[in-house]
Amino acid sequence: MDDVEQKFVLIVEDDADLRELLANLLDQAGIANEAVGTLCRASARIREISPALVLLDVMMPDGDGLAFCAQLRQAGFANKIMMLTAKGAALDRIAGLEGGADDYLTKPFESRELLARIRNLLRGATAWHSISTGKIRYARFGTWRLDLVQRRLVTSDDRIVMVSTGEFDLLRRMIDAPRIELSREDLMPERRETVHFDRSLDNRISRLRNKLGAERDGAQLIVTVRNRGFMLAADVSYE
């Protein structure tokens, strides 16, 4: 059993059929979970079990999931939160991320994508907790390692490649969600209102590709997804 399968997911969804579908999907993937139908029940269970991930619907019968997410963050809940909602507008997505959500997926969703996002969030939770406790230091992708402590790249023959704070933050977000398309807002949430109009993200991507190009096929690790964003085209492991 890997670290992901040992993590617990709380599903917060008022639609009984979808709640059962999500629970069965996680059961089949070997991910421990519990499903509740109200925010009141969710609040109680979060206090009792502190789940590694809360899969949270926005439109709940006893409140607004976006407001509930923000309240959890204000109360000090530091684990992962993923919003799952029928609302797909950019403003709703931005509101969810601004409220403290780690990811946001709209209905209808593809089961494999949802599972991939859940697994990546759970791996990220494990990895960044392990960094703080000194259990891991590097994220490996392709032939590269990202030093998560000293915030620099390391080649296959142990040469050091320095990166800026912005480049490190960008690469870290991609590493948290490998092989998943990430929008410009996902990659630069601090500039979400202007990221479509300025060149900051494109410049950082270009600089990272140039640096990764020091290793064979390194520049191809960051893929442009036309009209949607970018993706890290590699699996990630931690050591």
Protein backbone atom coordinates (compact mmCIF):
# COMPACT_ATOMS: atom_id res chain seq x y z
CA MET A 1 0.00 0.00 0.00
CA ASP A 2 1.52 3.37 -1.01
CA ASP A 3 1.22 6.71 0.80
CA VAL A 4 -1.76 7.77 -1.35
CA GLU A 5 -3.75 4.67 -0.43
CA GLN A 6 -3.15 5.35 3.27
CA LYS A 7 -4.63 8.86 3.05
CA PHE A 8 -8.28 9.55 3.90
CA VAL A 9 -10.63 11.56 1.66
CA LEU A 10 -13.85 13.17 2.89
CA ILE A 11 -16.45 13.56 0.10
CA VAL A 12 -18.90 16.42 0.68
CA GLU A 13 -21.71 16.15 -1.90
CA ASP A 14 -25.46 16.58 -1.50
CA ASP A 15 -26.51 14.54 -4.56
CA ALA A 16 -26.94 10.99 -3.24
CA ASP A 17 -26.25 9.31 -6.59
CA LEU A 18 -23.07 11.30 -7.22
CA ARG A 19 -21.99 10.83 -3.61
CA GLU A 20 -22.26 7.05 -4.06
CA LEU A 21 -20.47 7.20 -7.42
CA LEU A 22 -17.55 9.14 -5.94
CA ALA A 23 -17.27 6.83 -2.96
CA ASN A 24 -17.29 3.75 -5.21
CA LEU A 25 -14.70 5.33 -7.51
CA LEU A 26 -12.32 5.93 -4.61
CA ASP A 27 -13.04 2.49 -3.15
CA GLN A 28 -12.07 0.86 -6.45
CA ALA A 29 -8.88 2.94 -6.51
CA GLY A 30 -7.99 1.74 -3.01
CA ILE A 31 -8.37 5.20 -1.45
CA ALA A 32 -10.06 5.28 1.97
CA ASN A 33 -13.00 7.65 2.07
CA GLU A 34 -16.23 8.71 3.70
CA ALA A 35 -19.11 10.59 2.09
CA VAL A 36 -21.42 13.11 3.77
CA GLY A 37 -24.33 15.14 2.42
CA THR A 38 -24.22 18.40 4.39
CA LEU A 39 -21.70 21.01 5.42
CA CYS A 40 -22.77 20.58 9.03
CA ARG A 41 -21.83 16.91 8.94
CA ALA A 42 -18.64 17.71 7.04
CA SER A 43 -17.59 20.22 9.69
CA ALA A 44 -18.04 17.65 12.44
CA ARG A 45 -16.13 14.93 10.59
CA ILE A 46 -13.26 17.28 9.70
CA ARG A 47 -12.82 18.08 13.38
CA GLU A 48 -12.91 14.38 14.24
CA ILE A 49 -10.68 12.85 11.55
CA SER A 50 -8.77 15.72 9.83
CA PRO A 51 -8.91 14.15 6.34
CA ALA A 52 -5.92 14.51 4.02
CA LEU A 53 -8.28 15.77 1.29
CA VAL A 54 -11.77 17.27 1.31
CA LEU A 55 -13.61 16.80 -1.99
CA LEU A 56 -16.11 19.63 -1.68
CA ASP A 57 -19.20 20.49 -3.74
CA VAL A 58 -19.96 24.21 -4.08
CA MET A 59 -23.76 24.19 -4.00
CA MET A 60 -24.79 22.51 -0.76
CA PRO A 61 -28.27 22.53 0.84
CA ASP A 62 -27.07 24.12 4.08
CA GLY A 63 -24.54 26.62 2.74
CA ASP A 64 -22.01 27.71 0.14
CA GLY A 65 -19.06 25.40 -0.39
CA LEU A 66 -16.80 28.30 -1.39
CA ALA A 67 -17.52 30.11 1.87
CA PHE A 68 -17.06 26.84 3.78
CA CYS A 69 -13.64 26.36 2.15
CA ALA A 70 -12.59 29.86 3.21
CA GLN A 71 -13.84 29.21 6.74
CA LEU A 72 -11.81 26.01 6.96
CA ARG A 73 -8.65 27.87 5.97
CA GLN A 74 -9.36 30.66 8.44
CA ALA A 75 -9.80 28.03 11.16
CA GLY A 76 -6.37 26.60 10.37
CA PHE A 77 -7.25 23.53 8.27
CA ALA A 78 -4.03 23.01 6.28
CA ASN A 79 -4.82 19.80 4.36
CA LYS A 80 -5.91 19.64 0.73
CA ILE A 81 -9.27 20.90 -0.54
CA MET A 82 -10.62 20.22 -4.02
CA MET A 83 -13.77 21.94 -5.25
CA LEU A 84 -16.14 19.86 -7.38
CA THR A 85 -18.99 21.83 -8.94
CA ALA A 86 -21.26 22.39 -11.91
CA LYS A 87 -20.08 25.99 -12.05
CA GLY A 88 -17.40 26.29 -14.70
CA ALA A 89 -17.03 30.03 -15.16
CA ALA A 90 -13.57 31.51 -14.69
CA LEU A 91 -14.79 33.76 -11.87
CA ASP A 92 -16.09 30.75 -9.92
CA ARG A 93 -12.77 28.96 -10.39
CA ILE A 94 -10.86 32.02 -9.24
CA ALA A 95 -13.16 32.42 -6.22
CA GLY A 96 -12.49 28.83 -5.22
CA LEU A 97 -8.73 29.20 -5.48
CA GLU A 98 -8.79 32.55 -3.69
CA GLY A 99 -10.82 30.93 -0.92
CA GLY A 100 -8.05 28.43 -0.32
CA ALA A 101 -8.89 25.48 -2.59
CA ASP A 102 -5.93 23.53 -3.98
CA ASP A 103 -7.77 22.39 -7.11
CA TYR A 104 -11.09 22.87 -8.90
CA LEU A 105 -12.89 20.48 -11.25
CA THR A 106 -16.22 21.09 -12.96
CA LYS A 107 -19.02 18.62 -13.59
CA PRO A 108 -19.42 16.55 -15.66
CA PHE A 109 -15.95 15.16 -15.08
CA GLU A 110 -13.99 12.24 -16.50
CA SER A 111 -13.34 9.64 -13.80
CA ARG A 112 -9.69 9.10 -14.74
CA GLU A 113 -8.96 12.83 -14.58
CA LEU A 114 -10.64 13.15 -11.19
CA LEU A 115 -8.64 10.21 -9.82
CA ALA A 116 -5.42 11.60 -11.26
CA ARG A 117 -6.04 14.96 -9.61
CA ILE A 118 -6.93 13.34 -6.29
CA ARG A 119 -3.81 11.17 -6.34
CA ASN A 120 -1.62 14.14 -7.20
CA LEU A 121 -3.10 16.20 -4.37
CA LEU A 122 -2.57 13.35 -1.92
CA ARG A 123 0.99 12.78 -3.11
CA GLY A 124 1.64 16.49 -2.81
CA ALA A 125 0.28 16.52 0.73
CA THR A 126 2.57 13.63 1.64
CA ALA A 127 5.58 15.15 -0.09
CA TRP A 128 5.38 18.64 1.36
CA HIS A 129 4.74 17.26 4.85
CA SER A 130 7.82 15.08 4.40
CA ILE A 131 9.88 18.11 3.39
CA SER A 132 8.97 19.89 6.62
CA THR A 133 9.94 16.83 8.67
CA GLY A 134 13.19 16.25 6.76
CA LYS A 135 12.13 12.91 5.27
CA ILE A 136 12.57 13.92 1.64
CA ARG A 137 14.55 16.56 -0.21
CA TYR A 138 14.24 16.03 -3.96
CA ALA A 139 11.44 15.76 -6.52
CA ARG A 140 12.67 13.74 -9.50
CA PHE A 141 11.20 14.26 -12.98
CA GLY A 142 12.81 13.08 -16.18
CA THR A 143 16.58 13.20 -15.63
CA TRP A 144 16.26 16.21 -13.33
CA ARG A 145 15.92 16.63 -9.58
CA LEU A 146 14.40 19.69 -7.95
CA ASP A 147 16.00 20.42 -4.57
CA LEU A 148 12.95 21.30 -2.47
CA VAL A 149 15.03 22.58 0.44
CA GLN A 150 17.63 24.75 -1.28
CA ARG A 151 15.26 25.54 -4.17
CA ARG A 152 17.49 24.70 -7.12
CA LEU A 153 17.72 22.21 -10.00
CA VAL A 154 20.20 19.34 -10.06
CA THR A 155 21.28 17.57 -13.26
CA SER A 156 21.78 13.82 -13.70
CA ASP A 157 25.52 14.29 -13.05
CA ASP A 158 24.90 16.44 -9.94
CA ARG A 159 25.57 19.86 -11.45
CA ILE A 160 23.62 22.72 -9.85
CA VAL A 161 21.34 24.98 -11.90
CA MET A 162 19.99 27.98 -10.03
CA VAL A 163 16.41 29.13 -10.51
CA SER A 164 14.64 32.31 -9.45
CA THR A 165 11.90 32.31 -6.81
CA GLY A 166 9.28 32.68 -9.53
CA GLU A 167 10.74 29.84 -11.58
CA PHE A 168 10.89 27.56 -8.55
CA ASP A 169 7.27 28.33 -7.59
CA LEU A 170 6.12 27.66 -11.15
CA LEU A 171 7.96 24.35 -11.36
CA ARG A 172 6.73 23.32 -7.92
CA ARG A 173 3.11 23.82 -9.00
CA MET A 174 3.72 21.65 -12.06
CA ILE A 175 5.38 18.97 -9.94
CA ASP A 176 2.33 18.90 -7.66
CA ALA A 177 0.18 18.01 -10.70
CA PRO A 178 2.29 16.09 -13.25
CA ARG A 179 0.71 15.20 -16.60
CA ILE A 180 -2.27 17.45 -15.85
CA GLU A 181 -3.12 20.56 -17.86
CA LEU A 182 -2.71 23.64 -15.67
CA SER A 183 -4.23 26.96 -16.61
CA ARG A 184 -2.40 30.26 -16.40
CA GLU A 185 -4.34 31.07 -13.23
CA ASP A 186 -3.28 27.74 -11.71
CA LEU A 187 0.37 28.48 -12.41
CA MET A 188 0.43 32.12 -11.34
CA PRO A 189 -2.44 32.62 -8.86
CA GLU A 190 -0.72 35.73 -7.49
CA ARG A 191 -1.31 37.41 -10.88
CA ARG A 192 -4.58 35.73 -11.82
CA GLU A 193 -6.23 39.00 -12.88
CA THR A 194 -3.50 39.92 -15.37
CA VAL A 195 -1.85 36.63 -16.30
CA HIS A 196 -3.71 36.45 -19.62
CA PHE A 197 -2.45 39.88 -20.66
CA ASP A 198 1.17 40.09 -19.51
CA ARG A 199 4.15 38.00 -20.52
CA SER A 200 5.42 37.07 -17.06
CA LEU A 201 4.33 33.44 -17.25
CA ASP A 202 5.59 32.98 -20.81
CA ASN A 203 8.95 34.45 -19.86
CA ARG A 204 9.29 32.12 -16.86
CA ILE A 205 8.31 29.12 -18.98
CA SER A 206 10.89 30.12 -21.61
CA ARG A 207 13.65 30.50 -19.01
CA LEU A 208 12.80 27.16 -17.41
CA ARG A 209 12.81 25.39 -20.78
CA ASN A 210 16.22 26.86 -21.53
CA LYS A 211 17.57 25.62 -18.21
CA LEU A 212 15.97 22.19 -18.49
CA GLY A 213 17.40 21.97 -22.00
CA ALA A 214 20.82 21.43 -20.44
CA GLU A 215 19.75 17.78 -20.21
CA ARG A 216 18.73 15.73 -23.24
CA ASP A 217 15.02 16.23 -24.05
CA GLY A 218 14.75 18.47 -20.99
CA ALA A 219 13.14 21.36 -22.84
CA GLN A 220 10.26 19.05 -23.84
CA LEU A 221 9.35 18.36 -20.22
CA ILE A 222 7.13 21.48 -20.17
CA VAL A 223 4.42 21.13 -22.82
CA THR A 224 2.21 23.95 -24.10
CA VAL A 225 -1.48 22.98 -24.21
CA ARG A 226 -2.91 25.23 -26.89
CA ASN A 227 -5.36 27.84 -25.57
CA ARG A 228 -5.42 26.14 -22.15
CA GLY A 229 -2.09 26.36 -20.37
CA PHE A 230 0.90 24.11 -19.72
CA MET A 231 1.72 20.64 -18.43
CA LEU A 232 4.69 18.83 -16.93
CA ALA A 233 5.10 15.83 -19.27
CA ALA A 234 6.81 13.52 -16.78
CA ASP A 235 6.09 11.36 -13.78
CA VAL A 236 7.33 12.65 -10.42
CA SER A 237 8.90 10.71 -7.58
CA TYR A 238 10.34 11.91 -4.28
CA GLU A 239 13.57 11.01 -2.49
